[in-house]
Amino acid sequence: MAEDSEERLILLLGQYGILHLCRNPEALEAVNNAAVSGVVCQIITHLDKRTIRFFNELHDSIEVRHSDELESLGFVKDGVEVIQYLNIEDNPVGRGKDDAALIIESPAFAESHVNLIDTIWESAVMFDTAVARYTDNQINDPLRLTIGEGSFLKNITSALGIDEELPDEDTPFDPDAFFAAGNEVNQARKKLTEGKLSNFKTRNRHSPYVETNW
């Protein structure tokens, strides 16, 4: 299937599918060759720390993401042909004598299947981020803050732990303070990307009303 791909090849590898792929040199070479030829190759896997090293055998242009929502194994070629595994051996390093798969050549089914995969793909974790989580015990996912309903000002000050009273009137715009605050935010982002979350605390020296605790 990989050899015949022209535009897009999606591989659903579950938790141990990468082992099945790598133990078959011809299949692995076909996937890598498809990527080299310009085919968009995407892999959704349930990453396991024991299988991380096998992904190094994939071509650099193949994008891999981790998801807990998809355990099935299968392939989609050019959005028109689907292979769905019905049965696969429990032993990840077995010979696969009892493996069974269904080939579906239906544009309508393939389209609905791709739509589901694309939805999962958007929420899946980038490979490097997932690897850092499993190997370095780092959480590199973007920080998210839900403000919710009600007063934005009250909610944000509560989330940031600001207990001081805020001024009733706006202070004149100070460009120096504005750019200084931006520099502090950039420094904070740099520290977060380095994984230094413990006892991280910053205060805007130009304003007594902004303090952030992580």
N, C-alpha and C. Protein backbone atom coordinates (compact mmCIF):
# COMPACT_ATOMS: atom_id res chain seq x y z
N MET A 1 0.83 -1.20 0.00
CA MET A 1 0.00 0.00 0.00
C MET A 1 0.87 1.26 0.00
N ALA A 2 1.93 1.26 0.79
CA ALA A 2 2.81 2.43 0.87
C ALA A 2 3.46 2.72 -0.47
N GLU A 3 3.80 1.67 -1.21
CA GLU A 3 4.45 1.85 -2.50
C GLU A 3 3.54 2.54 -3.51
N ASP A 4 2.23 2.36 -3.35
CA ASP A 4 1.27 2.92 -4.31
C ASP A 4 0.74 4.28 -3.87
N SER A 5 1.13 4.75 -2.70
CA SER A 5 0.63 6.04 -2.21
C SER A 5 1.15 7.18 -3.08
N GLU A 6 0.28 8.16 -3.29
CA GLU A 6 0.66 9.30 -4.11
C GLU A 6 0.59 10.62 -3.35
N GLU A 7 -0.32 10.72 -2.38
CA GLU A 7 -0.51 11.99 -1.69
C GLU A 7 -0.35 11.89 -0.17
N ARG A 8 -1.07 10.96 0.44
CA ARG A 8 -1.09 10.91 1.90
C ARG A 8 -1.20 9.48 2.39
N LEU A 9 -0.39 9.16 3.39
CA LEU A 9 -0.41 7.83 3.99
C LEU A 9 -0.51 7.98 5.50
N ILE A 10 -1.56 7.41 6.08
CA ILE A 10 -1.78 7.48 7.52
C ILE A 10 -1.60 6.09 8.11
N LEU A 11 -0.78 5.98 9.14
CA LEU A 11 -0.56 4.72 9.83
C LEU A 11 -1.06 4.83 11.26
N LEU A 12 -1.94 3.93 11.64
CA LEU A 12 -2.41 3.83 13.02
C LEU A 12 -1.70 2.63 13.64
N LEU A 13 -0.78 2.90 14.56
CA LEU A 13 0.10 1.83 15.05
C LEU A 13 -0.20 1.36 16.47
N GLY A 14 -1.18 1.96 17.12
CA GLY A 14 -1.50 1.52 18.47
C GLY A 14 -0.27 1.57 19.38
N GLN A 15 -0.18 0.63 20.30
CA GLN A 15 0.92 0.65 21.27
C GLN A 15 2.17 -0.05 20.75
N TYR A 16 1.99 -1.16 20.01
CA TYR A 16 3.15 -1.93 19.59
C TYR A 16 3.24 -2.08 18.06
N GLY A 17 2.45 -1.31 17.33
CA GLY A 17 2.48 -1.42 15.88
C GLY A 17 3.81 -1.08 15.27
N ILE A 18 4.57 -0.21 15.92
CA ILE A 18 5.89 0.15 15.40
C ILE A 18 6.81 -1.08 15.37
N LEU A 19 6.61 -2.00 16.32
CA LEU A 19 7.42 -3.22 16.32
C LEU A 19 7.09 -4.09 15.12
N HIS A 20 5.80 -4.20 14.81
CA HIS A 20 5.38 -4.99 13.65
C HIS A 20 5.93 -4.38 12.36
N LEU A 21 5.98 -3.05 12.31
CA LEU A 21 6.48 -2.37 11.12
C LEU A 21 7.99 -2.57 10.96
N CYS A 22 8.70 -2.41 12.06
CA CYS A 22 10.17 -2.49 11.99
C CYS A 22 10.68 -3.91 11.81
N ARG A 23 9.88 -4.91 12.18
CA ARG A 23 10.35 -6.28 12.01
C ARG A 23 10.16 -6.74 10.56
N ASN A 24 9.52 -5.90 9.76
CA ASN A 24 9.33 -6.19 8.34
C ASN A 24 10.11 -5.15 7.54
N PRO A 25 11.36 -5.45 7.19
CA PRO A 25 12.22 -4.47 6.51
C PRO A 25 11.62 -3.92 5.22
N GLU A 26 10.90 -4.76 4.48
CA GLU A 26 10.32 -4.31 3.21
C GLU A 26 9.22 -3.28 3.45
N ALA A 27 8.38 -3.52 4.46
CA ALA A 27 7.31 -2.58 4.77
C ALA A 27 7.87 -1.26 5.28
N LEU A 28 8.89 -1.34 6.14
CA LEU A 28 9.51 -0.14 6.67
C LEU A 28 10.16 0.68 5.56
N GLU A 29 10.83 -0.01 4.65
CA GLU A 29 11.48 0.68 3.53
C GLU A 29 10.44 1.33 2.62
N ALA A 30 9.31 0.67 2.42
CA ALA A 30 8.26 1.22 1.57
C ALA A 30 7.69 2.50 2.16
N VAL A 31 7.48 2.52 3.47
CA VAL A 31 6.96 3.72 4.14
C VAL A 31 7.97 4.85 4.05
N ASN A 32 9.22 4.56 4.32
CA ASN A 32 10.26 5.59 4.25
C ASN A 32 10.43 6.11 2.81
N ASN A 33 10.37 5.22 1.85
CA ASN A 33 10.50 5.64 0.45
C ASN A 33 9.33 6.53 0.03
N ALA A 34 8.15 6.23 0.55
CA ALA A 34 6.98 7.07 0.25
C ALA A 34 7.19 8.47 0.79
N ALA A 35 7.75 8.56 1.99
CA ALA A 35 8.02 9.86 2.59
C ALA A 35 9.06 10.63 1.78
N VAL A 36 10.09 9.93 1.32
CA VAL A 36 11.15 10.56 0.53
C VAL A 36 10.59 11.08 -0.79
N SER A 37 9.64 10.36 -1.36
CA SER A 37 9.07 10.74 -2.66
C SER A 37 8.11 11.91 -2.56
N GLY A 38 7.80 12.36 -1.35
CA GLY A 38 6.93 13.52 -1.19
C GLY A 38 5.55 13.21 -0.64
N VAL A 39 5.26 11.96 -0.38
CA VAL A 39 3.97 11.59 0.21
C VAL A 39 3.92 12.08 1.67
N VAL A 40 2.81 12.69 2.06
CA VAL A 40 2.63 13.12 3.44
C VAL A 40 2.35 11.89 4.29
N CYS A 41 3.27 11.55 5.18
CA CYS A 41 3.14 10.36 6.02
C CYS A 41 2.91 10.78 7.47
N GLN A 42 1.83 10.30 8.05
CA GLN A 42 1.49 10.61 9.44
C GLN A 42 1.28 9.32 10.21
N ILE A 43 1.75 9.32 11.45
CA ILE A 43 1.61 8.15 12.31
C ILE A 43 0.98 8.57 13.62
N ILE A 44 -0.08 7.88 14.00
CA ILE A 44 -0.67 8.05 15.33
C ILE A 44 -0.38 6.78 16.11
N THR A 45 0.23 6.93 17.27
CA THR A 45 0.63 5.78 18.07
C THR A 45 0.31 6.02 19.53
N HIS A 46 0.22 4.94 20.27
CA HIS A 46 0.12 5.03 21.73
C HIS A 46 1.53 4.75 22.24
N LEU A 47 2.26 5.83 22.47
CA LEU A 47 3.69 5.70 22.75
C LEU A 47 3.96 4.95 24.04
N ASP A 48 4.96 4.09 23.98
CA ASP A 48 5.42 3.32 25.14
C ASP A 48 6.92 3.55 25.25
N LYS A 49 7.41 3.74 26.45
CA LYS A 49 8.84 4.04 26.62
C LYS A 49 9.74 2.92 26.10
N ARG A 50 9.18 1.71 25.99
CA ARG A 50 9.97 0.59 25.48
C ARG A 50 10.07 0.58 23.96
N THR A 51 9.25 1.37 23.30
CA THR A 51 9.24 1.36 21.83
C THR A 51 9.78 2.65 21.23
N ILE A 52 10.16 3.60 22.06
CA ILE A 52 10.58 4.91 21.55
C ILE A 52 11.72 4.80 20.55
N ARG A 53 12.70 3.96 20.86
CA ARG A 53 13.90 3.89 20.01
C ARG A 53 13.60 3.40 18.61
N PHE A 54 12.53 2.65 18.42
CA PHE A 54 12.21 2.12 17.10
C PHE A 54 11.74 3.20 16.14
N PHE A 55 11.24 4.29 16.67
CA PHE A 55 10.79 5.38 15.80
C PHE A 55 11.96 6.09 15.14
N ASN A 56 13.17 5.86 15.62
CA ASN A 56 14.34 6.45 14.98
C ASN A 56 14.60 5.85 13.60
N GLU A 57 13.97 4.72 13.31
CA GLU A 57 14.16 4.09 12.01
C GLU A 57 13.28 4.69 10.93
N LEU A 58 12.39 5.60 11.32
CA LEU A 58 11.52 6.26 10.36
C LEU A 58 12.22 7.46 9.74
N HIS A 59 11.82 7.81 8.55
CA HIS A 59 12.39 8.98 7.88
C HIS A 59 12.00 10.25 8.64
N ASP A 60 12.90 11.24 8.62
CA ASP A 60 12.69 12.46 9.40
C ASP A 60 11.43 13.22 9.01
N SER A 61 10.98 13.08 7.78
CA SER A 61 9.81 13.83 7.32
C SER A 61 8.50 13.22 7.79
N ILE A 62 8.53 12.03 8.36
CA ILE A 62 7.32 11.37 8.85
C ILE A 62 6.95 11.97 10.20
N GLU A 63 5.74 12.50 10.29
CA GLU A 63 5.29 13.14 11.52
C GLU A 63 4.59 12.11 12.41
N VAL A 64 5.01 12.05 13.66
CA VAL A 64 4.46 11.08 14.61
C VAL A 64 3.83 11.83 15.77
N ARG A 65 2.66 11.38 16.17
CA ARG A 65 1.99 11.95 17.34
C ARG A 65 1.46 10.83 18.24
N HIS A 66 1.37 11.15 19.54
CA HIS A 66 0.91 10.20 20.54
C HIS A 66 -0.53 10.51 20.92
N SER A 67 -1.33 9.47 21.04
CA SER A 67 -2.73 9.64 21.46
C SER A 67 -3.16 8.46 22.30
N ASP A 68 -3.92 8.75 23.36
CA ASP A 68 -4.49 7.70 24.20
C ASP A 68 -5.87 7.27 23.69
N GLU A 69 -6.37 7.96 22.66
CA GLU A 69 -7.75 7.75 22.21
C GLU A 69 -7.86 6.71 21.11
N LEU A 70 -6.74 6.27 20.56
CA LEU A 70 -6.79 5.38 19.41
C LEU A 70 -5.85 4.21 19.63
N GLU A 71 -6.43 3.02 19.79
CA GLU A 71 -5.63 1.82 20.02
C GLU A 71 -5.62 0.90 18.81
N SER A 72 -6.50 1.15 17.85
CA SER A 72 -6.61 0.25 16.71
C SER A 72 -5.42 0.38 15.77
N LEU A 73 -5.20 -0.67 14.97
CA LEU A 73 -4.13 -0.68 13.98
C LEU A 73 -4.75 -0.65 12.59
N GLY A 74 -4.13 0.13 11.72
CA GLY A 74 -4.65 0.20 10.36
C GLY A 74 -3.89 1.21 9.53
N PHE A 75 -4.31 1.36 8.28
CA PHE A 75 -3.67 2.27 7.34
C PHE A 75 -4.74 2.92 6.48
N VAL A 76 -4.45 4.13 6.04
CA VAL A 76 -5.31 4.82 5.09
C VAL A 76 -4.43 5.39 3.99
N LYS A 77 -4.73 5.03 2.75
CA LYS A 77 -3.93 5.49 1.61
C LYS A 77 -4.73 6.46 0.77
N ASP A 78 -4.19 7.68 0.63
CA ASP A 78 -4.75 8.70 -0.26
C ASP A 78 -6.23 8.98 -0.01
N GLY A 79 -6.70 8.67 1.20
CA GLY A 79 -8.08 8.98 1.56
C GLY A 79 -9.12 8.17 0.83
N VAL A 80 -8.74 7.06 0.18
CA VAL A 80 -9.71 6.26 -0.57
C VAL A 80 -9.64 4.77 -0.22
N GLU A 81 -8.53 4.33 0.36
CA GLU A 81 -8.36 2.91 0.67
C GLU A 81 -7.96 2.73 2.12
N VAL A 82 -8.66 1.82 2.82
CA VAL A 82 -8.45 1.62 4.25
C VAL A 82 -8.14 0.16 4.53
N ILE A 83 -7.14 -0.08 5.37
CA ILE A 83 -6.88 -1.41 5.91
C ILE A 83 -7.10 -1.35 7.41
N GLN A 84 -8.02 -2.17 7.91
CA GLN A 84 -8.34 -2.19 9.33
C GLN A 84 -8.06 -3.58 9.88
N TYR A 85 -7.18 -3.65 10.88
CA TYR A 85 -6.86 -4.94 11.49
C TYR A 85 -8.02 -5.38 12.39
N LEU A 86 -8.47 -6.63 12.18
CA LEU A 86 -9.55 -7.19 12.98
C LEU A 86 -9.01 -8.01 14.14
N ASN A 87 -7.87 -8.63 13.93
CA ASN A 87 -7.26 -9.44 14.98
C ASN A 87 -5.74 -9.36 14.84
N ILE A 88 -5.09 -9.19 15.97
CA ILE A 88 -3.63 -9.13 15.95
C ILE A 88 -3.10 -9.83 17.18
N GLU A 89 -2.00 -10.51 17.02
CA GLU A 89 -1.43 -11.31 18.10
C GLU A 89 -1.10 -10.44 19.31
N ASP A 90 -1.39 -10.93 20.50
CA ASP A 90 -1.11 -10.18 21.73
C ASP A 90 0.38 -9.97 21.94
N ASN A 91 1.17 -10.96 21.57
CA ASN A 91 2.62 -10.86 21.72
C ASN A 91 3.16 -9.85 20.70
N PRO A 92 3.70 -8.72 21.14
CA PRO A 92 4.15 -7.69 20.18
C PRO A 92 5.33 -8.13 19.32
N VAL A 93 6.04 -9.18 19.73
CA VAL A 93 7.16 -9.66 18.92
C VAL A 93 6.87 -11.04 18.33
N GLY A 94 5.60 -11.40 18.29
CA GLY A 94 5.22 -12.68 17.71
C GLY A 94 5.29 -12.67 16.20
N ARG A 95 4.99 -13.81 15.59
CA ARG A 95 5.08 -13.94 14.13
C ARG A 95 3.81 -13.48 13.42
N GLY A 96 2.76 -13.26 14.16
CA GLY A 96 1.53 -12.74 13.55
C GLY A 96 0.80 -13.74 12.68
N LYS A 97 0.88 -15.02 13.01
CA LYS A 97 0.25 -16.05 12.18
C LYS A 97 -1.28 -15.92 12.19
N ASP A 98 -1.84 -15.44 13.28
CA ASP A 98 -3.29 -15.34 13.38
C ASP A 98 -3.81 -13.93 13.12
N ASP A 99 -2.95 -13.06 12.64
CA ASP A 99 -3.39 -11.70 12.33
C ASP A 99 -4.39 -11.72 11.18
N ALA A 100 -5.39 -10.84 11.27
CA ALA A 100 -6.39 -10.74 10.22
C ALA A 100 -6.73 -9.26 10.00
N ALA A 101 -6.86 -8.89 8.73
CA ALA A 101 -7.15 -7.50 8.41
C ALA A 101 -8.20 -7.44 7.32
N LEU A 102 -8.91 -6.31 7.28
CA LEU A 102 -9.96 -6.09 6.30
C LEU A 102 -9.56 -4.93 5.40
N ILE A 103 -9.58 -5.13 4.09
CA ILE A 103 -9.29 -4.08 3.13
C ILE A 103 -10.61 -3.49 2.65
N ILE A 104 -10.76 -2.20 2.82
CA ILE A 104 -12.00 -1.52 2.46
C ILE A 104 -11.70 -0.49 1.38
N GLU A 105 -12.28 -0.66 0.20
CA GLU A 105 -12.11 0.28 -0.89
C GLU A 105 -13.43 1.01 -1.12
N SER A 106 -13.71 1.95 -0.24
CA SER A 106 -14.95 2.71 -0.31
C SER A 106 -14.64 4.17 -0.01
N PRO A 107 -14.75 5.06 -0.97
CA PRO A 107 -14.46 6.48 -0.74
C PRO A 107 -15.29 7.07 0.39
N ALA A 108 -16.55 6.66 0.51
CA ALA A 108 -17.41 7.21 1.57
C ALA A 108 -16.92 6.78 2.95
N PHE A 109 -16.60 5.49 3.09
CA PHE A 109 -16.09 5.00 4.37
C PHE A 109 -14.74 5.62 4.68
N ALA A 110 -13.87 5.70 3.67
CA ALA A 110 -12.55 6.27 3.88
C ALA A 110 -12.64 7.73 4.31
N GLU A 111 -13.56 8.48 3.71
CA GLU A 111 -13.70 9.89 4.06
C GLU A 111 -14.12 10.06 5.52
N SER A 112 -15.10 9.28 5.98
CA SER A 112 -15.54 9.37 7.37
C SER A 112 -14.43 8.92 8.32
N HIS A 113 -13.67 7.92 7.89
CA HIS A 113 -12.57 7.41 8.71
C HIS A 113 -11.47 8.48 8.84
N VAL A 114 -11.16 9.13 7.74
CA VAL A 114 -10.14 10.18 7.75
C VAL A 114 -10.59 11.36 8.60
N ASN A 115 -11.86 11.71 8.54
CA ASN A 115 -12.37 12.81 9.36
C ASN A 115 -12.18 12.51 10.85
N LEU A 116 -12.45 11.27 11.25
CA LEU A 116 -12.24 10.88 12.64
C LEU A 116 -10.76 10.95 13.00
N ILE A 117 -9.91 10.45 12.11
CA ILE A 117 -8.47 10.46 12.36
C ILE A 117 -7.96 11.90 12.48
N ASP A 118 -8.44 12.78 11.62
CA ASP A 118 -7.99 14.17 11.65
C ASP A 118 -8.37 14.84 12.97
N THR A 119 -9.54 14.50 13.50
CA THR A 119 -9.96 15.06 14.78
C THR A 119 -9.04 14.59 15.90
N ILE A 120 -8.71 13.31 15.90
CA ILE A 120 -7.79 12.76 16.90
C ILE A 120 -6.40 13.34 16.71
N TRP A 121 -5.99 13.53 15.48
CA TRP A 121 -4.66 14.06 15.17
C TRP A 121 -4.48 15.46 15.76
N GLU A 122 -5.50 16.29 15.67
CA GLU A 122 -5.41 17.66 16.17
C GLU A 122 -5.18 17.71 17.68
N SER A 123 -5.76 16.76 18.40
CA SER A 123 -5.62 16.75 19.86
C SER A 123 -4.47 15.86 20.34
N ALA A 124 -3.82 15.16 19.42
CA ALA A 124 -2.72 14.26 19.80
C ALA A 124 -1.49 15.07 20.17
N VAL A 125 -0.59 14.43 20.92
CA VAL A 125 0.62 15.09 21.45
C VAL A 125 1.78 14.89 20.48
N MET A 126 2.51 15.96 20.25
CA MET A 126 3.69 15.87 19.39
C MET A 126 4.67 14.83 19.95
N PHE A 127 5.37 14.15 19.04
CA PHE A 127 6.25 13.04 19.43
C PHE A 127 7.31 13.49 20.44
N ASP A 128 8.00 14.60 20.17
CA ASP A 128 9.07 15.06 21.06
C ASP A 128 8.54 15.37 22.46
N THR A 129 7.33 15.95 22.50
CA THR A 129 6.72 16.26 23.79
C THR A 129 6.39 14.99 24.55
N ALA A 130 5.85 14.01 23.84
CA ALA A 130 5.51 12.74 24.50
C ALA A 130 6.76 12.01 24.96
N VAL A 131 7.84 12.06 24.17
CA VAL A 131 9.09 11.41 24.56
C VAL A 131 9.64 12.05 25.83
N ALA A 132 9.60 13.39 25.91
CA ALA A 132 10.07 14.08 27.12
C ALA A 132 9.26 13.65 28.33
N ARG A 133 8.00 13.41 28.13
CA ARG A 133 7.13 13.00 29.24
C ARG A 133 7.52 11.61 29.74
N TYR A 134 7.84 10.72 28.81
CA TYR A 134 8.13 9.34 29.20
C TYR A 134 9.57 9.14 29.66
N THR A 135 10.50 9.84 29.04
CA THR A 135 11.91 9.61 29.36
C THR A 135 12.45 10.56 30.42
N ASP A 136 11.99 11.82 30.40
CA ASP A 136 12.52 12.82 31.33
C ASP A 136 11.51 13.23 32.40
N ASN A 137 10.31 12.62 32.35
CA ASN A 137 9.24 12.97 33.29
C ASN A 137 8.93 14.46 33.26
N GLN A 138 9.00 15.04 32.06
CA GLN A 138 8.68 16.45 31.88
C GLN A 138 7.32 16.57 31.21
N ILE A 139 6.57 17.59 31.63
CA ILE A 139 5.31 17.90 30.99
C ILE A 139 5.52 19.18 30.19
N ASN A 140 5.61 19.05 28.87
CA ASN A 140 5.89 20.19 28.01
C ASN A 140 4.65 20.68 27.27
N ASP A 141 3.47 20.17 27.65
CA ASP A 141 2.26 20.61 26.98
C ASP A 141 2.02 22.09 27.27
N PRO A 142 1.39 22.82 26.35
CA PRO A 142 1.08 24.23 26.60
C PRO A 142 0.21 24.39 27.84
N LEU A 143 0.50 25.44 28.61
CA LEU A 143 -0.32 25.73 29.78
C LEU A 143 -1.64 26.33 29.35
N ARG A 144 -2.74 25.89 29.95
CA ARG A 144 -4.06 26.39 29.59
C ARG A 144 -4.76 26.92 30.84
N LEU A 145 -5.42 28.06 30.68
CA LEU A 145 -6.15 28.68 31.78
C LEU A 145 -7.54 29.01 31.30
N THR A 146 -8.56 28.44 31.93
CA THR A 146 -9.94 28.72 31.58
C THR A 146 -10.47 29.81 32.50
N ILE A 147 -10.84 30.93 31.92
CA ILE A 147 -11.32 32.07 32.71
C ILE A 147 -12.72 31.84 33.21
N GLY A 148 -13.58 31.30 32.35
CA GLY A 148 -14.96 31.04 32.76
C GLY A 148 -15.83 32.29 32.66
N GLU A 149 -16.99 32.22 33.29
CA GLU A 149 -17.95 33.32 33.22
C GLU A 149 -17.68 34.35 34.31
N GLY A 150 -18.37 35.49 34.19
CA GLY A 150 -18.23 36.54 35.19
C GLY A 150 -17.19 37.57 34.79
N SER A 151 -16.77 38.33 35.77
CA SER A 151 -15.82 39.41 35.52
C SER A 151 -14.45 38.85 35.14
N PHE A 152 -13.95 39.27 33.99
CA PHE A 152 -12.62 38.83 33.57
C PHE A 152 -11.57 39.28 34.57
N LEU A 153 -11.68 40.54 35.02
CA LEU A 153 -10.69 41.09 35.93
C LEU A 153 -10.66 40.32 37.25
N LYS A 154 -11.84 40.03 37.80
CA LYS A 154 -11.89 39.31 39.07
C LYS A 154 -11.34 37.89 38.91
N ASN A 155 -11.70 37.25 37.80
CA ASN A 155 -11.26 35.87 37.58
C ASN A 155 -9.75 35.78 37.38
N ILE A 156 -9.20 36.72 36.62
CA ILE A 156 -7.76 36.65 36.35
C ILE A 156 -6.95 37.01 37.59
N THR A 157 -7.41 37.97 38.38
CA THR A 157 -6.69 38.31 39.60
C THR A 157 -6.77 37.17 40.61
N SER A 158 -7.93 36.48 40.63
CA SER A 158 -8.07 35.33 41.54
C SER A 158 -7.15 34.19 41.10
N ALA A 159 -7.09 33.96 39.77
CA ALA A 159 -6.24 32.88 39.26
C ALA A 159 -4.77 33.16 39.52
N LEU A 160 -4.39 34.44 39.48
CA LEU A 160 -2.99 34.80 39.70
C LEU A 160 -2.67 35.00 41.18
N GLY A 161 -3.67 34.89 42.03
CA GLY A 161 -3.43 35.02 43.46
C GLY A 161 -3.15 36.44 43.91
N ILE A 162 -3.77 37.41 43.26
CA ILE A 162 -3.57 38.83 43.61
C ILE A 162 -4.62 39.23 44.64
N ASP A 163 -4.18 39.57 45.84
CA ASP A 163 -5.10 39.95 46.92
C ASP A 163 -5.19 41.46 47.12
N GLU A 164 -4.26 42.20 46.50
CA GLU A 164 -4.24 43.64 46.70
C GLU A 164 -5.38 44.31 45.94
N GLU A 165 -5.79 45.47 46.45
CA GLU A 165 -6.83 46.22 45.77
C GLU A 165 -6.27 46.86 44.52
N LEU A 166 -7.06 46.78 43.45
CA LEU A 166 -6.64 47.37 42.20
C LEU A 166 -7.10 48.83 42.13
N PRO A 167 -6.36 49.66 41.41
CA PRO A 167 -6.74 51.08 41.31
C PRO A 167 -8.05 51.26 40.56
N ASP A 168 -8.80 52.27 40.92
CA ASP A 168 -10.06 52.56 40.25
C ASP A 168 -9.84 53.26 38.91
N GLU A 169 -8.71 53.96 38.78
CA GLU A 169 -8.42 54.71 37.57
C GLU A 169 -7.22 54.09 36.85
N ASP A 170 -7.22 54.25 35.53
CA ASP A 170 -6.10 53.76 34.75
C ASP A 170 -4.89 54.66 34.93
N THR A 171 -3.72 54.07 34.96
CA THR A 171 -2.49 54.84 35.02
C THR A 171 -2.05 55.20 33.61
N PRO A 172 -1.35 56.31 33.43
CA PRO A 172 -0.87 56.68 32.09
C PRO A 172 -0.02 55.58 31.48
N PHE A 173 -0.13 55.44 30.16
CA PHE A 173 0.62 54.39 29.47
C PHE A 173 2.11 54.68 29.54
N ASP A 174 2.86 53.67 29.98
CA ASP A 174 4.31 53.81 30.11
C ASP A 174 4.97 52.80 29.16
N PRO A 175 5.51 53.28 28.03
CA PRO A 175 6.12 52.33 27.06
C PRO A 175 7.25 51.50 27.68
N ASP A 176 8.06 52.13 28.54
CA ASP A 176 9.17 51.39 29.14
C ASP A 176 8.66 50.23 29.99
N ALA A 177 7.61 50.50 30.77
CA ALA A 177 7.04 49.44 31.60
C ALA A 177 6.42 48.35 30.73
N PHE A 178 5.82 48.76 29.61
CA PHE A 178 5.19 47.80 28.70
C PHE A 178 6.22 46.83 28.14
N PHE A 179 7.33 47.37 27.63
CA PHE A 179 8.36 46.51 27.05
C PHE A 179 9.08 45.69 28.12
N ALA A 180 9.24 46.27 29.32
CA ALA A 180 9.87 45.53 30.41
C ALA A 180 9.02 44.33 30.80
N ALA A 181 7.70 44.52 30.83
CA ALA A 181 6.80 43.41 31.16
C ALA A 181 6.89 42.32 30.09
N GLY A 182 7.01 42.74 28.81
CA GLY A 182 7.15 41.76 27.73
C GLY A 182 8.41 40.95 27.87
N ASN A 183 9.49 41.59 28.28
CA ASN A 183 10.75 40.87 28.47
C ASN A 183 10.63 39.85 29.59
N GLU A 184 9.91 40.22 30.66
CA GLU A 184 9.74 39.28 31.78
C GLU A 184 8.90 38.08 31.36
N VAL A 185 7.88 38.33 30.51
CA VAL A 185 7.07 37.22 30.02
C VAL A 185 7.92 36.27 29.17
N ASN A 186 8.79 36.84 28.32
CA ASN A 186 9.66 36.00 27.49
C ASN A 186 10.61 35.17 28.34
N GLN A 187 11.13 35.77 29.41
CA GLN A 187 12.00 35.04 30.32
C GLN A 187 11.25 33.92 31.01
N ALA A 188 9.99 34.21 31.37
CA ALA A 188 9.18 33.19 32.03
C ALA A 188 8.92 32.02 31.08
N ARG A 189 8.62 32.34 29.82
CA ARG A 189 8.39 31.27 28.85
C ARG A 189 9.64 30.42 28.67
N LYS A 190 10.79 31.06 28.65
CA LYS A 190 12.04 30.32 28.48
C LYS A 190 12.26 29.36 29.64
N LYS A 191 11.96 29.82 30.86
CA LYS A 191 12.13 28.95 32.03
C LYS A 191 11.15 27.79 31.98
N LEU A 192 9.93 28.06 31.51
CA LEU A 192 8.94 27.00 31.45
C LEU A 192 9.34 25.94 30.43
N THR A 193 9.88 26.37 29.28
CA THR A 193 10.29 25.40 28.27
C THR A 193 11.47 24.57 28.74
N GLU A 194 12.23 25.09 29.71
CA GLU A 194 13.35 24.33 30.26
C GLU A 194 12.89 23.39 31.36
N GLY A 195 11.59 23.43 31.67
CA GLY A 195 11.05 22.53 32.69
C GLY A 195 11.28 22.98 34.11
N LYS A 196 11.70 24.24 34.30
CA LYS A 196 11.99 24.73 35.65
C LYS A 196 10.72 25.35 36.25
N LEU A 197 9.85 24.48 36.76
CA LEU A 197 8.56 24.95 37.26
C LEU A 197 8.55 25.17 38.77
N SER A 198 9.49 24.55 39.47
CA SER A 198 9.47 24.62 40.93
C SER A 198 9.85 26.01 41.43
N ASN A 199 9.05 26.50 42.37
CA ASN A 199 9.30 27.79 43.02
C ASN A 199 9.51 28.90 42.01
N PHE A 200 8.75 28.85 40.90
CA PHE A 200 8.88 29.89 39.89
C PHE A 200 7.95 31.04 40.25
N LYS A 201 8.53 32.21 40.42
CA LYS A 201 7.76 33.36 40.84
C LYS A 201 8.35 34.61 40.22
N THR A 202 7.49 35.43 39.60
CA THR A 202 7.99 36.66 38.99
C THR A 202 7.07 37.81 39.33
N ARG A 203 7.64 38.96 39.56
CA ARG A 203 6.85 40.16 39.83
C ARG A 203 7.30 41.26 38.89
N ASN A 204 6.34 41.91 38.29
CA ASN A 204 6.64 43.03 37.42
C ASN A 204 7.12 44.19 38.28
N ARG A 205 8.41 44.55 38.16
CA ARG A 205 8.97 45.56 39.05
C ARG A 205 8.41 46.95 38.76
N HIS A 206 7.76 47.10 37.59
CA HIS A 206 7.22 48.40 37.25
C HIS A 206 5.78 48.56 37.73
N SER A 207 5.17 47.48 38.19
CA SER A 207 3.80 47.57 38.66
C SER A 207 3.64 46.72 39.90
N PRO A 208 3.12 47.27 40.97
CA PRO A 208 2.98 46.48 42.21
C PRO A 208 1.78 45.56 42.18
N TYR A 209 1.06 45.54 41.06
CA TYR A 209 -0.20 44.81 41.06
C TYR A 209 -0.16 43.52 40.26
N VAL A 210 0.97 43.18 39.70
CA VAL A 210 1.05 41.96 38.90
C VAL A 210 2.06 41.01 39.52
N GLU A 211 1.58 39.87 39.93
CA GLU A 211 2.46 38.83 40.49
C GLU A 211 1.96 37.49 40.01
N THR A 212 2.85 36.67 39.55
CA THR A 212 2.48 35.39 38.97
C THR A 212 3.16 34.27 39.73
N ASN A 213 2.38 33.25 40.13
CA ASN A 213 2.92 32.08 40.81
C ASN A 213 2.58 30.86 39.98
N TRP A 214 3.56 30.00 39.78
CA TRP A 214 3.35 28.76 39.03
C TRP A 214 3.66 27.58 39.94
